[in-house]
Amino acid sequence: MSERGRLAWLAAFTVGIAAAVFAFVPPIAQPQWYHDFADRRAWLGVPNFLDVASNALFLVVGAAGLARLSEGVFAAPRERWPYAVFFAGLVLTGVASGWYHLEPTDARLVGDRLAMSVIFAGFTAAVLTERLGLRCSLAALPALLVAGPVAVLYWAATEAAGAGDLRAYGLVQFTPMLLLPLLLWLIPARYTRGGDLLAVLGLYALALALEWLDRPIFELTGNVSGHTLKHLAAALAGYGLLRHVRLRRLKQCEEIVP
């Protein structure tokens, strides 16, 4: 199948999921208990210290990724773009999530989710680069960078109107977790170490589980909450992608668009 055909298949799959969600899933408002994190301990005058400080991990991994992309293996220079977007999104998330956790509210959560949408766009486009080709990836990247913020702002607008709807943001966050394993399974890899990408997805799934177990983990340990551990797992996922780019090798010779 040509790259154009692959992109059309991808778009149709995504549109199909979106149509099903909006047809069969009712609007989902932001539950206010979400902001009630278990670990509210302050230190050095910083409220919610561990949930705030653990965001420094995103800054470290994101900055390292941007600084060391030149050491990665790329068949064409423009293949770096999705990865640069991903690591820039980690830096933005480190700032925005830290700001949110100082005083958790819907208004501050908007910034956090805008930054996270950049991560989702970069990672999705990076996998498309490896499996569907550079043209497909660079065609999808701008659309992904628009779709994420639009979904977040749609949620914010509906929340402000008293009828919050998280469905669009849920699609931005979870559709890649459904789509990308299929791509990794069905499309031959151009690079080695394809299992690294599954590990990145697995660490992010772990991060989501830790988020939902925020209070039980804090009650069990008495020292660290599930949400703090979520930041650790998500930052490890980012490091996993950096390590993948630096250690992989091109598996086959092919014509690459410069």
Protein backbone atom coordinates (compact mmCIF):
# COMPACT_ATOMS: atom_id res chain seq x y z
CA MET A 1 0.00 0.00 0.00
CA SER A 2 1.25 3.49 -0.86
CA GLU A 3 1.96 6.06 1.84
CA ARG A 4 -1.12 8.00 0.71
CA GLY A 5 -3.21 4.85 1.07
CA ARG A 6 -1.79 4.17 4.50
CA LEU A 7 -2.58 7.72 5.61
CA ALA A 8 -6.13 7.38 4.28
CA TRP A 9 -6.56 4.10 6.18
CA LEU A 10 -5.26 5.76 9.33
CA ALA A 11 -7.59 8.73 8.94
CA ALA A 12 -10.60 6.47 8.32
CA PHE A 13 -9.79 4.38 11.40
CA THR A 14 -9.49 7.49 13.56
CA VAL A 15 -12.67 9.04 12.21
CA GLY A 16 -14.49 5.76 12.81
CA ILE A 17 -13.45 5.67 16.47
CA ALA A 18 -14.42 9.32 16.93
CA ALA A 19 -17.81 8.77 15.31
CA ALA A 20 -18.51 5.77 17.53
CA VAL A 21 -17.55 7.66 20.69
CA PHE A 22 -19.73 10.67 19.92
CA ALA A 23 -22.60 8.44 18.79
CA PHE A 24 -22.68 6.04 21.74
CA VAL A 25 -20.90 7.72 24.66
CA PRO A 26 -22.73 10.55 26.47
CA PRO A 27 -20.88 13.78 27.35
CA ILE A 28 -18.41 13.34 30.22
CA ALA A 29 -17.94 16.28 32.59
CA GLN A 30 -14.74 16.79 34.54
CA PRO A 31 -15.30 15.27 38.00
CA GLN A 32 -14.24 17.73 40.66
CA TRP A 33 -12.91 14.96 42.90
CA TYR A 34 -10.11 14.60 40.35
CA HIS A 35 -8.42 17.65 41.92
CA ASP A 36 -8.50 16.10 45.39
CA PHE A 37 -5.07 14.49 45.39
CA ALA A 38 -4.01 12.32 48.28
CA ASP A 39 -0.65 13.88 49.13
CA ARG A 40 -1.21 17.49 50.16
CA ARG A 41 1.91 17.80 52.29
CA ALA A 42 3.83 21.05 51.92
CA TRP A 43 7.58 21.49 52.17
CA LEU A 44 9.74 24.60 51.90
CA GLY A 45 6.54 26.59 51.57
CA VAL A 46 5.47 24.66 48.46
CA PRO A 47 1.99 23.08 48.73
CA ASN A 48 1.49 19.56 47.40
CA PHE A 49 5.28 19.37 47.27
CA LEU A 50 5.91 15.90 45.84
CA ASP A 51 3.24 16.22 43.14
CA VAL A 52 4.75 19.57 42.17
CA ALA A 53 8.44 18.67 42.42
CA SER A 54 8.11 15.36 40.58
CA ASN A 55 7.30 17.34 37.43
CA ALA A 56 10.99 18.25 37.29
CA LEU A 57 11.48 14.78 35.82
CA PHE A 58 9.65 15.90 32.67
CA LEU A 59 11.88 18.95 32.39
CA VAL A 60 15.02 16.83 32.72
CA VAL A 61 13.99 14.15 30.21
CA GLY A 62 12.53 16.68 27.75
CA ALA A 63 15.61 18.89 27.83
CA ALA A 64 17.90 15.87 27.48
CA GLY A 65 15.86 14.65 24.53
CA LEU A 66 16.07 17.98 22.72
CA ALA A 67 19.79 18.28 23.44
CA ARG A 68 20.66 14.75 22.33
CA LEU A 69 18.47 14.28 19.26
CA SER A 70 21.57 14.84 17.14
CA GLU A 71 22.92 11.55 18.54
CA GLY A 72 19.89 9.61 17.32
CA VAL A 73 19.66 7.44 14.23
CA PHE A 74 17.50 8.98 11.49
CA ALA A 75 17.21 7.98 7.86
CA ALA A 76 16.42 11.59 6.94
CA PRO A 77 16.96 14.84 8.89
CA ARG A 78 13.26 15.72 8.95
CA GLU A 79 12.52 12.51 10.85
CA ARG A 80 13.70 14.38 13.94
CA TRP A 81 10.69 16.72 13.89
CA PRO A 82 8.12 14.46 15.61
CA TYR A 83 10.65 13.55 18.29
CA ALA A 84 11.50 17.21 18.82
CA VAL A 85 7.78 17.90 19.27
CA PHE A 86 7.54 15.05 21.77
CA PHE A 87 10.44 16.24 23.91
CA ALA A 88 9.31 19.86 23.71
CA GLY A 89 5.93 18.64 24.96
CA LEU A 90 7.65 17.02 27.94
CA VAL A 91 9.30 20.34 28.83
CA LEU A 92 5.98 22.17 28.51
CA THR A 93 4.27 19.52 30.64
CA GLY A 94 6.90 19.86 33.35
CA VAL A 95 6.07 23.54 33.64
CA ALA A 96 2.29 23.33 33.15
CA SER A 97 1.75 20.30 35.40
CA GLY A 98 3.89 21.81 38.15
CA TRP A 99 1.78 24.98 37.95
CA TYR A 100 -1.42 22.96 38.07
CA HIS A 101 -0.39 20.94 41.13
CA LEU A 102 0.40 24.08 43.11
CA GLU A 103 -3.34 24.79 43.13
CA PRO A 104 -5.37 22.10 41.32
CA THR A 105 -8.34 23.65 39.49
CA ASP A 106 -10.07 23.21 36.14
CA ALA A 107 -8.54 26.49 34.92
CA ARG A 108 -4.99 25.30 35.59
CA LEU A 109 -5.74 21.83 34.25
CA VAL A 110 -6.34 23.40 30.84
CA GLY A 111 -2.67 24.34 30.56
CA ASP A 112 -1.56 20.91 31.74
CA ARG A 113 -3.67 19.16 29.13
CA LEU A 114 -2.61 21.54 26.35
CA ALA A 115 1.01 20.60 27.05
CA MET A 116 0.18 16.90 27.20
CA SER A 117 -1.57 17.11 23.83
CA VAL A 118 1.80 18.13 22.33
CA ILE A 119 3.35 14.94 23.74
CA PHE A 120 0.58 12.80 22.25
CA ALA A 121 1.01 14.47 18.85
CA GLY A 122 4.77 14.01 18.82
CA PHE A 123 4.71 10.37 19.90
CA THR A 124 1.96 9.42 17.45
CA ALA A 125 3.81 11.11 14.58
CA ALA A 126 7.07 9.43 15.64
CA VAL A 127 5.48 5.98 15.38
CA LEU A 128 3.96 6.93 12.03
CA THR A 129 7.43 7.92 10.83
CA GLU A 130 8.85 4.52 11.74
CA ARG A 131 5.97 2.46 10.33
CA LEU A 132 4.19 4.45 7.59
CA GLY A 133 6.94 6.70 6.30
CA LEU A 134 8.12 10.28 6.48
CA ARG A 135 5.52 11.81 4.16
CA CYS A 136 2.69 10.26 6.14
CA SER A 137 4.17 11.41 9.43
CA LEU A 138 4.77 14.99 8.36
CA ALA A 139 1.29 15.18 6.85
CA ALA A 140 -0.27 13.96 10.10
CA LEU A 141 1.83 16.00 12.54
CA PRO A 142 0.21 19.42 11.90
CA ALA A 143 -3.26 17.86 12.15
CA LEU A 144 -2.33 16.21 15.43
CA LEU A 145 -0.91 19.46 16.80
CA VAL A 146 -4.19 21.20 16.00
CA ALA A 147 -6.54 18.41 17.11
CA GLY A 148 -5.11 18.16 20.62
CA PRO A 149 -5.44 21.82 21.65
CA VAL A 150 -8.85 22.04 19.95
CA ALA A 151 -10.05 19.07 22.03
CA VAL A 152 -8.73 20.63 25.25
CA LEU A 153 -10.26 24.02 24.49
CA TYR A 154 -13.56 22.37 23.55
CA TRP A 155 -13.60 20.68 26.96
CA ALA A 156 -12.75 23.98 28.70
CA ALA A 157 -15.50 25.83 26.82
CA THR A 158 -18.14 23.19 27.57
CA GLU A 159 -17.06 23.07 31.21
CA ALA A 160 -17.40 26.86 31.48
CA ALA A 161 -20.87 26.59 29.95
CA GLY A 162 -21.91 24.12 32.66
CA ALA A 163 -22.03 21.06 30.38
CA GLY A 164 -18.48 19.74 30.39
CA ASP A 165 -17.54 17.24 27.71
CA LEU A 166 -14.25 15.34 27.87
CA ARG A 167 -14.97 13.01 24.96
CA ALA A 168 -12.80 14.84 22.44
CA TYR A 169 -9.85 15.01 24.82
CA GLY A 170 -10.33 11.35 25.67
CA LEU A 171 -10.02 10.56 21.97
CA VAL A 172 -6.79 12.56 21.72
CA GLN A 173 -5.37 10.72 24.72
CA PHE A 174 -6.56 7.16 24.17
CA THR A 175 -6.92 6.68 20.40
CA PRO A 176 -3.12 6.42 19.97
CA MET A 177 -3.07 3.69 22.64
CA LEU A 178 -5.47 1.67 20.45
CA LEU A 179 -4.02 2.59 17.08
CA LEU A 180 -0.28 2.43 17.67
CA PRO A 181 -0.10 -1.21 18.86
CA LEU A 182 -1.97 -2.16 15.67
CA LEU A 183 0.58 -0.27 13.58
CA LEU A 184 3.45 -1.91 15.43
CA TRP A 185 1.90 -5.32 14.81
CA LEU A 186 0.72 -4.94 11.22
CA ILE A 187 3.35 -2.72 9.57
CA PRO A 188 6.96 -3.93 9.16
CA ALA A 189 9.50 -1.94 11.12
CA ARG A 190 12.07 0.22 9.36
CA TYR A 191 14.21 0.35 12.49
CA THR A 192 15.37 -2.17 15.07
CA ARG A 193 14.21 -2.17 18.71
CA GLY A 194 10.52 -1.91 17.89
CA GLY A 195 9.76 -3.41 21.28
CA ASP A 196 10.96 -0.16 22.86
CA LEU A 197 7.85 1.57 21.55
CA LEU A 198 5.59 -1.02 23.17
CA ALA A 199 7.50 -0.45 26.41
CA VAL A 200 6.83 3.30 26.13
CA LEU A 201 3.11 2.60 25.71
CA GLY A 202 3.23 0.14 28.60
CA LEU A 203 4.86 2.69 30.91
CA TYR A 204 2.22 5.25 29.99
CA ALA A 205 -0.53 2.72 30.71
CA LEU A 206 1.15 2.11 34.07
CA ALA A 207 1.19 5.87 34.70
CA LEU A 208 -2.57 6.02 34.10
CA ALA A 209 -3.13 3.13 36.50
CA LEU A 210 -1.02 4.82 39.18
CA GLU A 211 -3.05 7.99 38.71
CA TRP A 212 -6.28 6.14 39.46
CA LEU A 213 -4.66 4.46 42.47
CA ASP A 214 -3.42 7.77 43.86
CA ARG A 215 -5.05 7.54 47.30
CA PRO A 216 -4.79 3.77 47.89
CA ILE A 217 -1.05 3.89 47.19
CA PHE A 218 -0.59 6.85 49.54
CA GLU A 219 -2.57 5.12 52.27
CA LEU A 220 -0.48 1.98 51.78
CA THR A 221 2.94 3.66 51.77
CA GLY A 222 2.28 6.75 53.88
CA ASN A 223 5.11 8.48 52.02
CA VAL A 224 4.38 8.62 48.31
CA SER A 225 1.14 8.87 46.36
CA GLY A 226 0.05 7.19 43.17
CA HIS A 227 0.07 10.52 41.35
CA THR A 228 3.69 11.21 42.23
CA LEU A 229 4.57 7.74 40.97
CA LYS A 230 2.54 8.49 37.84
CA HIS A 231 4.93 11.34 37.06
CA LEU A 232 7.86 8.97 37.52
CA ALA A 233 6.40 6.32 35.19
CA ALA A 234 5.47 8.89 32.53
CA ALA A 235 8.96 10.43 32.66
CA LEU A 236 10.46 6.94 32.29
CA ALA A 237 8.31 6.50 29.19
CA GLY A 238 9.84 9.67 27.78
CA TYR A 239 13.32 8.43 28.60
CA GLY A 240 12.44 5.13 26.93
CA LEU A 241 11.74 6.93 23.65
CA LEU A 242 15.02 8.85 23.89
CA ARG A 243 16.92 5.62 24.50
CA HIS A 244 15.11 3.98 21.59
CA VAL A 245 16.13 6.72 19.16
CA ARG A 246 19.76 6.57 20.24
CA LEU A 247 20.14 2.77 20.14
CA ARG A 248 18.02 1.69 17.17
CA ARG A 249 19.42 1.00 13.70
CA LEU A 250 17.93 1.23 10.22
CA LYS A 251 16.95 -2.31 9.22
CA GLN A 252 16.76 -1.92 5.46
CA CYS A 253 17.89 0.38 2.72
CA GLU A 254 15.05 2.36 1.20
CA GLU A 255 14.48 5.58 -0.61
CA ILE A 256 14.05 8.38 1.93
CA VAL A 257 12.66 11.80 1.14
CA PRO A 258 15.28 14.32 2.32
